[in-house]
N, C-alpha and C. Protein backbone atom coordinates (compact mmCIF):
# COMPACT_ATOMS: atom_id res chain seq x y z
N LEU A 1 33.77 -68.03 -0.06
CA LEU A 1 34.35 -66.85 0.65
C LEU A 1 35.48 -66.27 -0.39
N LEU A 2 35.78 -67.12 -1.43
CA LEU A 2 36.73 -66.43 -2.31
C LEU A 2 36.18 -65.18 -2.86
N GLY A 3 34.85 -65.27 -3.23
CA GLY A 3 34.19 -63.97 -3.63
C GLY A 3 34.53 -62.69 -2.81
N ILE A 4 34.38 -62.93 -1.68
CA ILE A 4 34.72 -61.93 -0.67
C ILE A 4 36.02 -61.18 -0.85
N TRP A 5 37.02 -62.21 -0.92
CA TRP A 5 38.44 -61.71 -1.11
C TRP A 5 38.63 -61.02 -2.46
N TYR A 6 38.07 -61.44 -3.41
CA TYR A 6 38.18 -60.79 -4.71
C TYR A 6 37.55 -59.31 -4.73
N GLU A 7 36.35 -59.28 -4.08
CA GLU A 7 35.86 -58.09 -3.89
C GLU A 7 36.37 -57.21 -2.79
N SER A 8 37.10 -57.79 -2.06
CA SER A 8 37.89 -56.90 -1.13
C SER A 8 39.31 -56.27 -1.99
N LYS A 9 39.54 -56.99 -3.04
CA LYS A 9 40.82 -56.47 -3.90
C LYS A 9 40.24 -55.93 -5.03
N SER A 10 38.96 -55.40 -5.05
CA SER A 10 38.46 -54.63 -6.19
C SER A 10 38.50 -55.37 -7.47
N ASP A 11 38.23 -56.69 -7.37
CA ASP A 11 38.20 -57.47 -8.85
C ASP A 11 36.68 -58.03 -8.78
N ALA A 12 35.75 -57.04 -9.30
CA ALA A 12 34.28 -57.32 -9.11
C ALA A 12 33.90 -58.64 -10.20
N LYS A 13 34.82 -58.58 -11.27
CA LYS A 13 34.54 -59.59 -12.37
C LYS A 13 34.82 -61.03 -11.72
N ARG A 14 35.63 -61.36 -11.13
CA ARG A 14 36.17 -62.55 -10.54
C ARG A 14 35.17 -62.82 -9.28
N ALA A 15 35.01 -61.87 -8.47
CA ALA A 15 34.12 -62.06 -7.37
C ALA A 15 32.73 -62.42 -7.83
N GLU A 16 32.17 -61.69 -8.76
CA GLU A 16 31.01 -62.11 -9.42
C GLU A 16 30.91 -63.61 -9.74
N GLY A 17 32.26 -63.98 -10.45
CA GLY A 17 32.26 -65.23 -10.95
C GLY A 17 32.04 -66.32 -9.70
N CYS A 18 32.67 -66.01 -8.64
CA CYS A 18 32.79 -66.93 -7.74
C CYS A 18 31.57 -66.99 -6.93
N TYR A 19 30.72 -65.89 -6.80
CA TYR A 19 29.54 -65.96 -6.21
C TYR A 19 28.46 -66.70 -6.98
N GLN A 20 28.38 -66.60 -8.40
CA GLN A 20 27.68 -67.49 -9.18
C GLN A 20 27.94 -68.76 -9.14
N LYS A 21 29.18 -69.16 -9.08
CA LYS A 21 29.64 -70.68 -8.93
C LYS A 21 29.11 -71.21 -7.58
N ALA A 22 29.26 -70.32 -6.56
CA ALA A 22 28.62 -70.66 -5.10
C ALA A 22 27.09 -70.88 -5.25
N LEU A 23 26.45 -70.12 -5.95
CA LEU A 23 25.04 -70.13 -6.18
C LEU A 23 24.51 -71.17 -7.06
N SER A 24 25.50 -71.63 -7.92
CA SER A 24 25.10 -72.74 -8.68
C SER A 24 25.28 -74.25 -8.00
N LEU A 25 26.06 -74.28 -7.09
CA LEU A 25 26.25 -75.23 -6.03
C LEU A 25 25.06 -75.25 -4.91
N ASP A 26 24.67 -74.06 -4.41
CA ASP A 26 23.66 -74.00 -3.39
C ASP A 26 23.07 -72.78 -3.65
N ALA A 27 21.73 -72.66 -4.50
CA ALA A 27 21.04 -71.53 -4.83
C ALA A 27 20.77 -70.70 -3.55
N SER A 28 20.57 -71.14 -2.35
CA SER A 28 20.23 -70.35 -1.36
C SER A 28 21.48 -69.90 -0.51
N HIS A 29 22.67 -69.92 -0.96
CA HIS A 29 23.74 -69.59 -0.29
C HIS A 29 23.71 -68.09 0.10
N PRO A 30 23.57 -67.61 1.53
CA PRO A 30 23.23 -66.30 1.93
C PRO A 30 24.41 -65.43 1.67
N VAL A 31 25.81 -66.01 1.85
CA VAL A 31 26.89 -65.09 1.49
C VAL A 31 26.96 -64.60 -0.03
N ALA A 32 26.76 -65.89 -0.94
CA ALA A 32 27.10 -65.63 -2.35
C ALA A 32 25.82 -64.63 -2.59
N GLY A 33 24.57 -65.02 -2.26
CA GLY A 33 23.52 -64.21 -2.65
C GLY A 33 23.72 -62.71 -2.26
N ARG A 34 24.20 -62.46 -1.12
CA ARG A 34 24.30 -61.04 -0.82
C ARG A 34 25.66 -60.34 -1.60
N GLY A 35 26.61 -61.09 -1.69
CA GLY A 35 27.68 -60.69 -2.67
C GLY A 35 27.12 -60.58 -4.10
N LEU A 36 26.69 -61.30 -4.63
CA LEU A 36 26.03 -60.92 -6.08
C LEU A 36 25.08 -59.67 -5.93
N GLN A 37 24.28 -59.65 -4.89
CA GLN A 37 23.20 -58.52 -4.77
C GLN A 37 24.35 -57.19 -4.70
N ARG A 38 25.39 -57.21 -4.07
CA ARG A 38 25.93 -56.00 -4.20
C ARG A 38 26.81 -55.55 -5.44
N LEU A 39 26.70 -56.68 -6.39
CA LEU A 39 27.73 -56.41 -7.55
C LEU A 39 26.95 -56.23 -8.82
N ILE A 40 25.71 -56.75 -8.84
CA ILE A 40 24.89 -56.76 -10.22
C ILE A 40 23.57 -55.93 -9.80
N GLU A 41 22.94 -55.73 -10.99
CA GLU A 41 21.72 -54.92 -11.03
C GLU A 41 20.51 -55.91 -10.47
N LEU A 42 19.73 -55.51 -9.92
CA LEU A 42 18.37 -56.15 -9.15
C LEU A 42 17.77 -56.94 -10.38
N LYS A 43 17.55 -56.50 -11.51
CA LYS A 43 16.83 -57.23 -12.71
C LYS A 43 17.77 -58.51 -13.02
N ASP A 44 19.09 -58.59 -12.92
CA ASP A 44 19.88 -59.46 -13.12
C ASP A 44 19.94 -60.63 -11.95
N LEU A 45 19.55 -59.94 -10.79
CA LEU A 45 19.47 -60.90 -9.73
C LEU A 45 18.39 -61.95 -9.52
N VAL A 46 17.21 -61.37 -10.11
CA VAL A 46 16.06 -62.04 -9.92
C VAL A 46 15.98 -63.60 -10.21
N PRO A 47 16.51 -63.89 -11.14
CA PRO A 47 16.61 -65.58 -11.60
C PRO A 47 17.26 -66.33 -10.52
N HIS A 48 18.20 -65.59 -9.99
CA HIS A 48 18.99 -66.36 -8.94
C HIS A 48 18.06 -66.38 -7.62
N CYS A 49 17.42 -65.32 -7.22
CA CYS A 49 16.51 -65.15 -6.16
C CYS A 49 15.26 -66.30 -6.20
N LYS A 50 14.90 -66.33 -7.56
CA LYS A 50 13.70 -67.39 -7.60
C LYS A 50 14.31 -68.84 -7.47
N LYS A 51 15.51 -69.15 -7.98
CA LYS A 51 15.93 -70.48 -7.59
C LYS A 51 16.23 -70.61 -6.20
N ALA A 52 16.65 -69.59 -5.42
CA ALA A 52 16.85 -69.90 -4.09
C ALA A 52 15.76 -70.03 -3.46
N ILE A 53 14.74 -69.34 -3.71
CA ILE A 53 13.33 -69.52 -3.21
C ILE A 53 12.51 -70.84 -3.41
N GLU A 54 12.88 -71.39 -4.24
CA GLU A 54 12.46 -72.86 -4.72
C GLU A 54 13.01 -73.72 -3.67
N GLN A 55 14.26 -73.55 -3.24
CA GLN A 55 14.87 -74.39 -2.30
C GLN A 55 14.30 -74.61 -0.92
N ASN A 56 13.32 -73.45 -0.48
CA ASN A 56 12.64 -73.39 0.78
C ASN A 56 13.70 -73.62 1.93
N SER A 57 14.75 -72.84 2.08
CA SER A 57 15.78 -72.73 3.16
C SER A 57 15.61 -71.64 4.04
N PRO A 58 15.94 -71.95 5.14
CA PRO A 58 15.74 -70.98 6.34
C PRO A 58 16.71 -69.75 6.24
N VAL A 59 17.55 -69.80 5.16
CA VAL A 59 18.50 -68.62 5.23
C VAL A 59 18.54 -68.13 3.81
N ASN A 60 17.33 -68.00 3.16
CA ASN A 60 16.98 -67.55 1.90
C ASN A 60 16.30 -66.17 2.03
N GLY A 61 16.56 -65.49 3.12
CA GLY A 61 15.91 -64.31 3.26
C GLY A 61 16.34 -63.00 2.34
N TRP A 62 17.56 -63.26 2.09
CA TRP A 62 18.27 -62.30 1.15
C TRP A 62 17.51 -62.44 -0.32
N ALA A 63 17.18 -63.55 -0.65
CA ALA A 63 16.35 -63.72 -1.92
C ALA A 63 15.07 -63.13 -1.82
N TRP A 64 14.28 -63.41 -0.78
CA TRP A 64 13.05 -62.81 -0.59
C TRP A 64 12.95 -61.29 -0.56
N GLN A 65 13.89 -60.68 0.18
CA GLN A 65 14.10 -59.41 0.15
C GLN A 65 14.41 -58.68 -1.30
N ALA A 66 15.30 -59.30 -1.95
CA ALA A 66 15.75 -58.87 -3.10
C ALA A 66 14.44 -58.83 -4.25
N LEU A 67 13.73 -59.89 -3.90
CA LEU A 67 12.51 -60.19 -4.90
C LEU A 67 11.52 -59.28 -4.58
N GLY A 68 11.55 -58.84 -3.18
CA GLY A 68 10.40 -57.97 -2.75
C GLY A 68 10.59 -56.52 -3.43
N GLN A 69 12.02 -56.23 -3.36
CA GLN A 69 12.49 -54.97 -3.83
C GLN A 69 12.10 -54.85 -5.50
N SER A 70 12.45 -55.86 -6.14
CA SER A 70 12.07 -56.11 -7.51
C SER A 70 10.53 -55.92 -7.98
N LYS A 71 9.68 -56.32 -7.15
CA LYS A 71 8.28 -56.26 -7.22
C LYS A 71 7.94 -54.78 -7.13
N ALA A 72 8.41 -54.23 -6.09
CA ALA A 72 7.93 -52.84 -5.72
C ALA A 72 8.46 -51.82 -6.49
N VAL A 73 9.86 -52.00 -6.80
CA VAL A 73 10.31 -50.85 -7.48
C VAL A 73 10.19 -51.01 -8.84
N ASN A 74 10.72 -52.18 -9.59
CA ASN A 74 10.73 -52.44 -11.10
C ASN A 74 9.25 -52.67 -11.46
N GLU A 75 8.45 -53.51 -10.76
CA GLU A 75 7.13 -53.84 -11.40
C GLU A 75 5.91 -52.96 -10.75
N GLY A 76 6.18 -52.27 -9.70
CA GLY A 76 5.25 -51.68 -9.04
C GLY A 76 4.02 -52.46 -8.45
N ASP A 77 4.52 -53.80 -8.07
CA ASP A 77 3.46 -54.66 -7.70
C ASP A 77 3.68 -54.71 -6.11
N ASP A 78 3.23 -53.77 -5.30
CA ASP A 78 3.26 -53.65 -3.79
C ASP A 78 2.66 -54.90 -3.14
N SER A 79 1.63 -55.29 -3.68
CA SER A 79 0.76 -56.38 -3.05
C SER A 79 1.75 -57.75 -2.89
N THR A 80 2.54 -58.08 -3.87
CA THR A 80 3.44 -59.18 -3.95
C THR A 80 4.69 -58.75 -3.37
N ALA A 81 5.02 -57.60 -3.33
CA ALA A 81 6.18 -57.19 -2.63
C ALA A 81 6.04 -57.43 -1.16
N VAL A 82 4.91 -57.08 -0.65
CA VAL A 82 4.70 -57.28 0.75
C VAL A 82 4.70 -58.70 1.18
N ILE A 83 4.21 -59.73 0.34
CA ILE A 83 4.40 -61.12 0.63
C ILE A 83 5.79 -61.49 0.80
N CYS A 84 6.58 -60.93 -0.24
CA CYS A 84 7.99 -61.28 -0.35
C CYS A 84 8.78 -60.63 1.10
N PHE A 85 8.47 -59.58 1.43
CA PHE A 85 9.03 -58.81 2.66
C PHE A 85 8.75 -59.67 3.82
N GLN A 86 7.33 -60.01 3.94
CA GLN A 86 6.98 -60.68 5.17
C GLN A 86 7.78 -62.05 5.19
N GLN A 87 7.66 -62.77 4.01
CA GLN A 87 8.73 -63.89 4.12
C GLN A 87 10.06 -63.96 4.46
N ALA A 88 10.65 -62.58 4.01
CA ALA A 88 12.07 -62.40 4.35
C ALA A 88 12.21 -62.30 5.84
N LEU A 89 11.25 -61.48 6.45
CA LEU A 89 11.28 -61.49 7.85
C LEU A 89 11.19 -62.62 8.76
N ARG A 90 10.62 -63.69 8.00
CA ARG A 90 10.53 -65.07 8.67
C ARG A 90 11.96 -65.71 8.59
N CYS A 91 12.63 -65.42 7.75
CA CYS A 91 13.95 -66.14 7.72
C CYS A 91 15.15 -66.00 8.45
N ARG A 92 15.84 -66.96 8.89
CA ARG A 92 16.76 -66.79 10.06
C ARG A 92 17.99 -65.71 9.59
N ASP A 93 18.36 -65.52 8.35
CA ASP A 93 19.49 -64.84 8.04
C ASP A 93 19.06 -63.53 7.89
N ILE A 94 17.64 -63.02 7.91
CA ILE A 94 17.27 -61.60 8.24
C ILE A 94 16.94 -61.30 9.76
N GLN A 95 16.13 -62.34 10.13
CA GLN A 95 15.56 -62.19 11.44
C GLN A 95 16.69 -62.21 12.57
N ASN A 96 17.72 -63.23 12.77
CA ASN A 96 18.73 -63.36 13.44
C ASN A 96 20.06 -63.93 12.77
N PRO A 97 20.83 -63.01 12.16
CA PRO A 97 21.95 -63.15 11.53
C PRO A 97 23.11 -63.90 12.34
N SER A 98 23.19 -63.65 13.58
CA SER A 98 24.19 -64.17 14.44
C SER A 98 23.99 -65.66 14.60
N SER A 99 22.72 -65.99 14.26
CA SER A 99 22.46 -67.61 14.74
C SER A 99 23.09 -68.40 13.68
N ASP A 100 23.46 -68.00 12.46
CA ASP A 100 24.14 -68.66 11.31
C ASP A 100 25.74 -68.67 11.29
N MET A 101 26.15 -69.73 10.96
CA MET A 101 27.58 -69.77 11.04
C MET A 101 28.36 -68.73 10.11
N LEU A 102 27.50 -68.45 9.05
CA LEU A 102 28.27 -67.55 8.14
C LEU A 102 27.75 -65.94 8.48
N GLY A 103 26.89 -65.97 9.43
CA GLY A 103 26.26 -64.64 9.95
C GLY A 103 27.28 -63.37 9.78
N ALA A 104 28.67 -63.63 10.15
CA ALA A 104 29.50 -62.61 10.16
C ALA A 104 29.65 -62.06 8.74
N PHE A 105 29.73 -62.75 7.75
CA PHE A 105 30.08 -62.36 6.29
C PHE A 105 28.78 -61.75 5.60
N TYR A 106 27.59 -61.79 6.44
CA TYR A 106 26.39 -61.02 5.80
C TYR A 106 26.65 -59.41 5.50
N ARG A 107 27.24 -58.81 6.38
CA ARG A 107 27.51 -57.43 6.32
C ARG A 107 28.99 -57.20 6.05
N TYR A 108 29.35 -57.83 4.86
CA TYR A 108 30.82 -57.57 4.69
C TYR A 108 31.53 -56.13 4.39
N THR A 109 30.78 -55.39 3.56
CA THR A 109 31.57 -54.27 3.18
C THR A 109 31.28 -53.02 4.04
N GLU A 110 32.07 -52.13 3.97
CA GLU A 110 31.86 -50.82 4.71
C GLU A 110 30.45 -50.19 4.39
N MET A 111 30.21 -50.26 3.14
CA MET A 111 28.86 -49.72 2.64
C MET A 111 27.77 -50.35 3.29
N THR A 112 27.75 -51.55 3.66
CA THR A 112 26.50 -52.16 4.19
C THR A 112 26.54 -52.22 5.87
N ALA A 113 27.73 -52.11 6.15
CA ALA A 113 27.91 -52.26 7.73
C ALA A 113 27.58 -50.96 8.51
N ASN A 114 26.24 -50.35 8.27
CA ASN A 114 25.84 -49.20 8.82
C ASN A 114 25.13 -49.85 10.11
N VAL A 115 24.68 -48.81 10.77
CA VAL A 115 23.86 -49.03 12.05
C VAL A 115 22.51 -49.60 11.91
N TYR A 116 21.93 -49.67 10.81
CA TYR A 116 20.77 -50.33 10.62
C TYR A 116 20.69 -51.75 10.33
N SER A 117 20.02 -52.48 10.84
CA SER A 117 20.11 -54.05 10.67
C SER A 117 19.41 -54.43 9.31
N GLU A 118 19.68 -55.57 8.72
CA GLU A 118 19.07 -55.99 7.76
C GLU A 118 17.27 -56.03 7.76
N ALA A 119 17.19 -56.40 9.02
CA ALA A 119 15.84 -56.65 9.41
C ALA A 119 15.07 -55.35 9.51
N SER A 120 15.77 -54.39 10.22
CA SER A 120 15.16 -52.85 10.11
C SER A 120 14.82 -52.46 8.70
N MET A 121 15.93 -52.69 7.78
CA MET A 121 15.59 -52.18 6.31
C MET A 121 14.38 -52.88 5.61
N THR A 122 14.31 -54.14 5.90
CA THR A 122 13.13 -54.79 5.26
C THR A 122 11.73 -54.40 5.86
N TRP A 123 11.72 -54.05 7.43
CA TRP A 123 10.75 -53.61 7.83
C TRP A 123 10.05 -52.26 7.31
N VAL A 124 11.15 -51.36 6.81
CA VAL A 124 11.10 -50.07 6.40
C VAL A 124 10.43 -50.33 4.96
N GLU A 125 11.06 -51.27 4.20
CA GLU A 125 10.32 -51.46 2.71
C GLU A 125 9.03 -52.03 2.95
N LEU A 126 8.74 -52.79 3.85
CA LEU A 126 7.22 -53.39 4.06
C LEU A 126 6.49 -52.21 4.34
N ALA A 127 6.64 -51.43 5.25
CA ALA A 127 6.04 -50.17 5.66
C ALA A 127 5.79 -49.48 4.47
N THR A 128 6.76 -49.10 3.49
CA THR A 128 6.78 -48.17 2.57
C THR A 128 5.64 -48.79 1.34
N CYS A 129 5.62 -50.07 1.11
CA CYS A 129 4.68 -50.69 0.33
C CYS A 129 3.15 -50.60 0.98
N TYR A 130 3.06 -50.76 2.23
CA TYR A 130 1.77 -50.74 2.89
C TYR A 130 1.27 -49.35 2.76
N ARG A 131 2.28 -48.47 2.86
CA ARG A 131 1.75 -46.92 2.70
C ARG A 131 1.16 -46.70 1.31
N ARG A 132 2.01 -47.06 0.27
CA ARG A 132 1.49 -46.99 -1.01
C ARG A 132 0.15 -47.47 -1.37
N MET A 133 0.03 -48.60 -0.62
CA MET A 133 -1.28 -49.37 -0.81
C MET A 133 -2.47 -48.75 -0.18
N GLY A 134 -2.27 -47.94 0.92
CA GLY A 134 -3.24 -47.22 1.80
C GLY A 134 -3.35 -47.81 2.85
N LYS A 135 -2.55 -48.72 3.40
CA LYS A 135 -2.91 -49.65 4.61
C LYS A 135 -1.98 -48.81 5.57
N TYR A 136 -2.59 -47.47 6.04
CA TYR A 136 -1.83 -46.81 7.07
C TYR A 136 -1.46 -47.36 8.32
N SER A 137 -2.38 -48.03 8.86
CA SER A 137 -2.15 -48.53 10.14
C SER A 137 -1.12 -49.79 10.28
N ALA A 138 -1.26 -50.51 9.25
CA ALA A 138 -0.16 -51.79 8.89
C ALA A 138 1.28 -51.05 8.78
N ALA A 139 1.21 -49.81 7.90
CA ALA A 139 2.43 -49.17 7.73
C ALA A 139 3.05 -48.58 8.87
N LEU A 140 2.03 -47.94 9.73
CA LEU A 140 2.47 -47.38 11.02
C LEU A 140 3.16 -48.47 11.93
N ARG A 141 2.53 -49.77 11.87
CA ARG A 141 3.21 -50.87 12.73
C ARG A 141 4.43 -51.16 12.50
N ALA A 142 4.66 -51.53 11.11
CA ALA A 142 5.82 -51.90 10.46
C ALA A 142 6.88 -50.73 10.61
N TYR A 143 6.55 -49.43 10.56
CA TYR A 143 7.48 -48.74 10.78
C TYR A 143 8.21 -48.56 12.39
N GLU A 144 7.25 -48.72 13.07
CA GLU A 144 7.46 -49.10 14.62
C GLU A 144 8.36 -50.24 14.92
N GLU A 145 8.31 -51.26 14.10
CA GLU A 145 9.00 -52.61 14.18
C GLU A 145 10.35 -52.25 13.69
N ALA A 146 10.49 -51.21 12.75
CA ALA A 146 11.88 -50.76 12.14
C ALA A 146 12.78 -50.21 13.15
N ALA A 147 12.03 -49.47 14.03
CA ALA A 147 12.63 -48.58 15.01
C ALA A 147 13.45 -49.35 16.05
């Protein structure tokens, strides 16, 4: 949580260091993962996501979601992105963040504290991948879930 404090004081460098230290201790830490996601570029976050996914934790949805975004946007691999987004939606930190002790810190900043839930945004990203793949009925169902 020290990273959140530094982030609130606009000290991104120290916040990033705290988040990276927390991820070195627990690779799937949901608050540290989301904090780092806010501070660094997606391509730099991918190695952290892969380590988090290896831990097979019920709160590593942030890592699956970021990896899905990377696959879809950076690599253009929508079929792999679909698998990542589906896996993210199965994780407790995406599906029901209030069930986690640290869930209150998932949506820390004003920028991320909008009316859309993380699950809704993941459904939209999943639907977008389905649409680009030509799977229109699956895309429509995913968009309906997002609403």
